Amino acid sequence: MAKKKNGKDLFLVFGLIQTASLGFIIYFILNSLNTIGLDTQIVLSCIFPVFLLITEYMIYLKK
């Protein structure tokens, strides 16, 4: 018998996929602009999606 996935598991799976894809998109857009350094590109492409995931998770917990 397969174990049912609850909403929290699905949220985390799709949230991590969304965070990773958004991070890659931000990195490649900033990389194509060539206006800021590599360290700033990496920081922005990591911090913003993680902050978004945390915010969405806090909203999800209130429901």
PDB file of N, CA and C in Angstrom:
ATOM      1  N   MET A   1       0.842  -1.182   0.000  1.00  0.00           N
ATOM      2  CA  MET A   1       0.000   0.000   0.000  1.00  0.00           C
ATOM      3  C   MET A   1       0.888   1.247   0.000  1.00  0.00           C
ATOM      4  N   ALA A   2       0.627   2.146  -0.898  1.00  0.00           N
ATOM      5  CA  ALA A   2       1.420   3.367  -1.020  1.00  0.00           C
ATOM      6  C   ALA A   2       0.993   4.384   0.029  1.00  0.00           C
ATOM      7  N   LYS A   3       1.970   5.062   0.549  1.00  0.00           N
ATOM      8  CA  LYS A   3       1.704   6.100   1.541  1.00  0.00           C
ATOM      9  C   LYS A   3       1.230   7.361   0.832  1.00  0.00           C
ATOM     10  N   LYS A   4       0.156   7.953   1.341  1.00  0.00           N
ATOM     11  CA  LYS A   4      -0.369   9.182   0.747  1.00  0.00           C
ATOM     12  C   LYS A   4       0.521  10.356   1.107  1.00  0.00           C
ATOM     13  N   LYS A   5       0.715  11.211   0.129  1.00  0.00           N
ATOM     14  CA  LYS A   5       1.458  12.449   0.371  1.00  0.00           C
ATOM     15  C   LYS A   5       0.489  13.495   0.894  1.00  0.00           C
ATOM     16  N   ASN A   6       0.894  14.184   1.933  1.00  0.00           N
ATOM     17  CA  ASN A   6       0.038  15.268   2.405  1.00  0.00           C
ATOM     18  C   ASN A   6       0.432  16.575   1.718  1.00  0.00           C
ATOM     19  N   GLY A   7      -0.293  17.608   1.971  1.00  0.00           N
ATOM     20  CA  GLY A   7      -0.083  18.884   1.297  1.00  0.00           C
ATOM     21  C   GLY A   7       1.266  19.505   1.580  1.00  0.00           C
ATOM     22  N   LYS A   8       1.789  19.266   2.779  1.00  0.00           N
ATOM     23  CA  LYS A   8       3.077  19.857   3.137  1.00  0.00           C
ATOM     24  C   LYS A   8       4.202  19.272   2.296  1.00  0.00           C
ATOM     25  N   ASP A   9       4.167  17.961   2.058  1.00  0.00           N
ATOM     26  CA  ASP A   9       5.197  17.330   1.238  1.00  0.00           C
ATOM     27  C   ASP A   9       5.164  17.853  -0.194  1.00  0.00           C
ATOM     28  N   LEU A  10       3.960  17.965  -0.742  1.00  0.00           N
ATOM     29  CA  LEU A  10       3.831  18.478  -2.105  1.00  0.00           C
ATOM     30  C   LEU A  10       4.270  19.931  -2.193  1.00  0.00           C
ATOM     31  N   PHE A  11       3.941  20.706  -1.166  1.00  0.00           N
ATOM     32  CA  PHE A  11       4.359  22.103  -1.158  1.00  0.00           C
ATOM     33  C   PHE A  11       5.876  22.203  -1.168  1.00  0.00           C
ATOM     34  N   LEU A  12       6.534  21.390  -0.358  1.00  0.00           N
ATOM     35  CA  LEU A  12       7.991  21.453  -0.291  1.00  0.00           C
ATOM     36  C   LEU A  12       8.637  20.997  -1.594  1.00  0.00           C
ATOM     37  N   VAL A  13       8.100  19.956  -2.209  1.00  0.00           N
ATOM     38  CA  VAL A  13       8.668  19.470  -3.472  1.00  0.00           C
ATOM     39  C   VAL A  13       8.552  20.536  -4.554  1.00  0.00           C
ATOM     40  N   PHE A  14       7.342  21.044  -4.764  1.00  0.00           N
ATOM     41  CA  PHE A  14       7.163  22.050  -5.810  1.00  0.00           C
ATOM     42  C   PHE A  14       7.792  23.388  -5.435  1.00  0.00           C
ATOM     43  N   GLY A  15       7.841  23.694  -4.155  1.00  0.00           N
ATOM     44  CA  GLY A  15       8.511  24.920  -3.716  1.00  0.00           C
ATOM     45  C   GLY A  15       9.996  24.880  -3.987  1.00  0.00           C
ATOM     46  N   LEU A  16      10.629  23.727  -3.758  1.00  0.00           N
ATOM     47  CA  LEU A  16      12.062  23.603  -4.033  1.00  0.00           C
ATOM     48  C   LEU A  16      12.342  23.652  -5.536  1.00  0.00           C
ATOM     49  N   ILE A  17      11.466  23.049  -6.328  1.00  0.00           N
ATOM     50  CA  ILE A  17      11.628  23.121  -7.782  1.00  0.00           C
ATOM     51  C   ILE A  17      11.486  24.566  -8.254  1.00  0.00           C
ATOM     52  N   GLN A  18      10.502  25.276  -7.718  1.00  0.00           N
ATOM     53  CA  GLN A  18      10.295  26.675  -8.083  1.00  0.00           C
ATOM     54  C   GLN A  18      11.491  27.526  -7.665  1.00  0.00           C
ATOM     55  N   THR A  19      12.003  27.296  -6.467  1.00  0.00           N
ATOM     56  CA  THR A  19      13.131  28.070  -5.969  1.00  0.00           C
ATOM     57  C   THR A  19      14.373  27.841  -6.820  1.00  0.00           C
ATOM     58  N   ALA A  20      14.645  26.587  -7.167  1.00  0.00           N
ATOM     59  CA  ALA A  20      15.818  26.281  -7.983  1.00  0.00           C
ATOM     60  C   ALA A  20      15.702  26.891  -9.374  1.00  0.00           C
ATOM     61  N   SER A  21      14.537  26.768  -9.993  1.00  0.00           N
ATOM     62  CA  SER A  21      14.382  27.311 -11.344  1.00  0.00           C
ATOM     63  C   SER A  21      14.445  28.837 -11.344  1.00  0.00           C
ATOM     64  N   LEU A  22      13.866  29.479 -10.342  1.00  0.00           N
ATOM     65  CA  LEU A  22      13.943  30.937 -10.247  1.00  0.00           C
ATOM     66  C   LEU A  22      15.384  31.385 -10.020  1.00  0.00           C
ATOM     67  N   GLY A  23      16.121  30.649  -9.214  1.00  0.00           N
ATOM     68  CA  GLY A  23      17.532  30.972  -8.984  1.00  0.00           C
ATOM     69  C   GLY A  23      18.349  30.893 -10.261  1.00  0.00           C
ATOM     70  N   PHE A  24      18.120  29.837 -11.063  1.00  0.00           N
ATOM     71  CA  PHE A  24      18.830  29.710 -12.333  1.00  0.00           C
ATOM     72  C   PHE A  24      18.457  30.831 -13.293  1.00  0.00           C
ATOM     73  N   ILE A  25      17.178  31.166 -13.343  1.00  0.00           N
ATOM     74  CA  ILE A  25      16.734  32.236 -14.242  1.00  0.00           C
ATOM     75  C   ILE A  25      17.371  33.563 -13.861  1.00  0.00           C
ATOM     76  N   ILE A  26      17.360  33.881 -12.578  1.00  0.00           N
ATOM     77  CA  ILE A  26      17.965  35.140 -12.116  1.00  0.00           C
ATOM     78  C   ILE A  26      19.455  35.155 -12.419  1.00  0.00           C
ATOM     79  N   TYR A  27      20.131  34.025 -12.177  1.00  0.00           N
ATOM     80  CA  TYR A  27      21.573  33.954 -12.430  1.00  0.00           C
ATOM     81  C   TYR A  27      21.888  34.189 -13.902  1.00  0.00           C
ATOM     82  N   PHE A  28      21.156  33.517 -14.792  1.00  0.00           N
ATOM     83  CA  PHE A  28      21.454  33.648 -16.215  1.00  0.00           C
ATOM     84  C   PHE A  28      21.093  35.028 -16.758  1.00  0.00           C
ATOM     85  N   ILE A  29      20.049  35.634 -16.237  1.00  0.00           N
ATOM     86  CA  ILE A  29      19.714  37.003 -16.672  1.00  0.00           C
ATOM     87  C   ILE A  29      20.789  37.981 -16.221  1.00  0.00           C
ATOM     88  N   LEU A  30      21.213  37.867 -14.959  1.00  0.00           N
ATOM     89  CA  LEU A  30      22.263  38.767 -14.477  1.00  0.00           C
ATOM     90  C   LEU A  30      23.587  38.497 -15.177  1.00  0.00           C
ATOM     91  N   ASN A  31      23.836  37.244 -15.517  1.00  0.00           N
ATOM     92  CA  ASN A  31      25.071  36.898 -16.212  1.00  0.00           C
ATOM     93  C   ASN A  31      25.099  37.492 -17.620  1.00  0.00           C
ATOM     94  N   SER A  32      23.946  37.537 -18.268  1.00  0.00           N
ATOM     95  CA  SER A  32      23.901  38.084 -19.626  1.00  0.00           C
ATOM     96  C   SER A  32      24.036  39.604 -19.642  1.00  0.00           C
ATOM     97  N   LEU A  33      23.673  40.258 -18.537  1.00  0.00           N
ATOM     98  CA  LEU A  33      23.779  41.720 -18.491  1.00  0.00           C
ATOM     99  C   LEU A  33      25.205  42.208 -18.293  1.00  0.00           C
ATOM    100  N   ASN A  34      26.032  41.407 -17.636  1.00  0.00           N
ATOM    101  CA  ASN A  34      27.439  41.745 -17.373  1.00  0.00           C
ATOM    102  C   ASN A  34      27.605  43.093 -16.667  1.00  0.00           C
ATOM    103  N   THR A  35      26.718  43.403 -15.730  1.00  0.00           N
ATOM    104  CA  THR A  35      26.812  44.682 -15.036  1.00  0.00           C
ATOM    105  C   THR A  35      27.318  44.547 -13.612  1.00  0.00           C
ATOM    106  N   ILE A  36      27.181  43.369 -13.012  1.00  0.00           N
ATOM    107  CA  ILE A  36      27.614  43.177 -11.633  1.00  0.00           C
ATOM    108  C   ILE A  36      28.562  41.985 -11.574  1.00  0.00           C
ATOM    109  N   GLY A  37      29.273  41.863 -10.471  1.00  0.00           N
ATOM    110  CA  GLY A  37      30.258  40.808 -10.322  1.00  0.00           C
ATOM    111  C   GLY A  37      29.634  39.437 -10.104  1.00  0.00           C
ATOM    112  N   LEU A  38      30.464  38.417 -10.241  1.00  0.00           N
ATOM    113  CA  LEU A  38      30.004  37.036 -10.114  1.00  0.00           C
ATOM    114  C   LEU A  38      29.507  36.728  -8.704  1.00  0.00           C
ATOM    115  N   ASP A  39      30.200  37.246  -7.689  1.00  0.00           N
ATOM    116  CA  ASP A  39      29.772  36.976  -6.318  1.00  0.00           C
ATOM    117  C   ASP A  39      28.401  37.575  -6.027  1.00  0.00           C
ATOM    118  N   THR A  40      28.130  38.761  -6.545  1.00  0.00           N
ATOM    119  CA  THR A  40      26.823  39.387  -6.358  1.00  0.00           C
ATOM    120  C   THR A  40      25.740  38.634  -7.110  1.00  0.00           C
ATOM    121  N   GLN A  41      26.055  38.125  -8.297  1.00  0.00           N
ATOM    122  CA  GLN A  41      25.092  37.317  -9.056  1.00  0.00           C
ATOM    123  C   GLN A  41      24.700  36.075  -8.281  1.00  0.00           C
ATOM    124  N   ILE A  42      25.683  35.405  -7.700  1.00  0.00           N
ATOM    125  CA  ILE A  42      25.407  34.175  -6.955  1.00  0.00           C
ATOM    126  C   ILE A  42      24.581  34.474  -5.711  1.00  0.00           C
ATOM    127  N   VAL A  43      24.935  35.535  -5.000  1.00  0.00           N
ATOM    128  CA  VAL A  43      24.195  35.892  -3.786  1.00  0.00           C
ATOM    129  C   VAL A  43      22.743  36.242  -4.114  1.00  0.00           C
ATOM    130  N   LEU A  44      22.535  37.066  -5.135  1.00  0.00           N
ATOM    131  CA  LEU A  44      21.175  37.454  -5.501  1.00  0.00           C
ATOM    132  C   LEU A  44      20.361  36.278  -6.017  1.00  0.00           C
ATOM    133  N   SER A  45      20.993  35.376  -6.762  1.00  0.00           N
ATOM    134  CA  SER A  45      20.251  34.245  -7.305  1.00  0.00           C
ATOM    135  C   SER A  45      19.973  33.186  -6.250  1.00  0.00           C
ATOM    136  N   CYS A  46      20.604  33.277  -5.092  1.00  0.00           N
ATOM    137  CA  CYS A  46      20.310  32.347  -3.991  1.00  0.00           C
ATOM    138  C   CYS A  46      19.375  32.963  -2.951  1.00  0.00           C
ATOM    139  N   ILE A  47      19.670  34.185  -2.550  1.00  0.00           N
ATOM    140  CA  ILE A  47      18.929  34.823  -1.457  1.00  0.00           C
ATOM    141  C   ILE A  47      17.480  35.119  -1.837  1.00  0.00           C
ATOM    142  N   PHE A  48      17.249  35.694  -3.014  1.00  0.00           N
ATOM    143  CA  PHE A  48      15.887  36.068  -3.387  1.00  0.00           C
ATOM    144  C   PHE A  48      14.944  34.870  -3.481  1.00  0.00           C
ATOM    145  N   PRO A  49      15.312  33.781  -4.185  1.00  0.00           N
ATOM    146  CA  PRO A  49      14.389  32.636  -4.239  1.00  0.00           C
ATOM    147  C   PRO A  49      14.168  31.963  -2.880  1.00  0.00           C
ATOM    148  N   VAL A  50      15.202  31.911  -2.054  1.00  0.00           N
ATOM    149  CA  VAL A  50      15.034  31.307  -0.723  1.00  0.00           C
ATOM    150  C   VAL A  50      14.116  32.172   0.132  1.00  0.00           C
ATOM    151  N   PHE A  51      14.282  33.490   0.071  1.00  0.00           N
ATOM    152  CA  PHE A  51      13.385  34.387   0.794  1.00  0.00           C
ATOM    153  C   PHE A  51      11.948  34.222   0.321  1.00  0.00           C
ATOM    154  N   LEU A  52      11.756  34.068  -0.985  1.00  0.00           N
ATOM    155  CA  LEU A  52      10.422  33.861  -1.543  1.00  0.00           C
ATOM    156  C   LEU A  52       9.825  32.543  -1.042  1.00  0.00           C
ATOM    157  N   LEU A  53      10.630  31.484  -0.992  1.00  0.00           N
ATOM    158  CA  LEU A  53      10.156  30.191  -0.498  1.00  0.00           C
ATOM    159  C   LEU A  53       9.748  30.280   0.972  1.00  0.00           C
ATOM    160  N   ILE A  54      10.540  30.958   1.776  1.00  0.00           N
ATOM    161  CA  ILE A  54      10.210  31.118   3.194  1.00  0.00           C
ATOM    162  C   ILE A  54       8.916  31.899   3.355  1.00  0.00           C
ATOM    163  N   THR A  55       8.746  32.961   2.576  1.00  0.00           N
ATOM    164  CA  THR A  55       7.528  33.762   2.644  1.00  0.00           C
ATOM    165  C   THR A  55       6.301  32.950   2.243  1.00  0.00           C
ATOM    166  N   GLU A  56       6.419  32.178   1.155  1.00  0.00           N
ATOM    167  CA  GLU A  56       5.297  31.347   0.723  1.00  0.00           C
ATOM    168  C   GLU A  56       4.976  30.272   1.762  1.00  0.00           C
ATOM    169  N   TYR A  57       5.993  29.726   2.390  1.00  0.00           N
ATOM    170  CA  TYR A  57       5.773  28.699   3.405  1.00  0.00           C
ATOM    171  C   TYR A  57       5.068  29.284   4.628  1.00  0.00           C
ATOM    172  N   MET A  58       5.439  30.494   5.017  1.00  0.00           N
ATOM    173  CA  MET A  58       4.768  31.135   6.154  1.00  0.00           C
ATOM    174  C   MET A  58       3.296  31.411   5.819  1.00  0.00           C
ATOM    175  N   ILE A  59       3.022  31.829   4.587  1.00  0.00           N
ATOM    176  CA  ILE A  59       1.629  32.046   4.163  1.00  0.00           C
ATOM    177  C   ILE A  59       0.890  30.723   4.138  1.00  0.00           C
ATOM    178  N   TYR A  60       1.547  29.652   3.662  1.00  0.00           N
ATOM    179  CA  TYR A  60       0.922  28.333   3.587  1.00  0.00           C
ATOM    180  C   TYR A  60       0.583  27.799   4.984  1.00  0.00           C
ATOM    181  N   LEU A  61       1.444  28.072   5.973  1.00  0.00           N
ATOM    182  CA  LEU A  61       1.179  27.578   7.328  1.00  0.00           C
ATOM    183  C   LEU A  61      -0.032  28.256   7.964  1.00  0.00           C
ATOM    184  N   LYS A  62      -0.327  29.490   7.560  1.00  0.00           N
ATOM    185  CA  LYS A  62      -1.472  30.197   8.146  1.00  0.00           C
ATOM    186  C   LYS A  62      -2.800  29.668   7.661  1.00  0.00           C
ATOM    187  N   LYS A  63      -2.807  28.959   6.522  1.00  0.00           N
ATOM    188  CA  LYS A  63      -4.076  28.447   5.984  1.00  0.00           C
ATOM    189  C   LYS A  63      -4.530  27.221   6.726  1.00  0.00           C
TER     190      LYS A  63
END
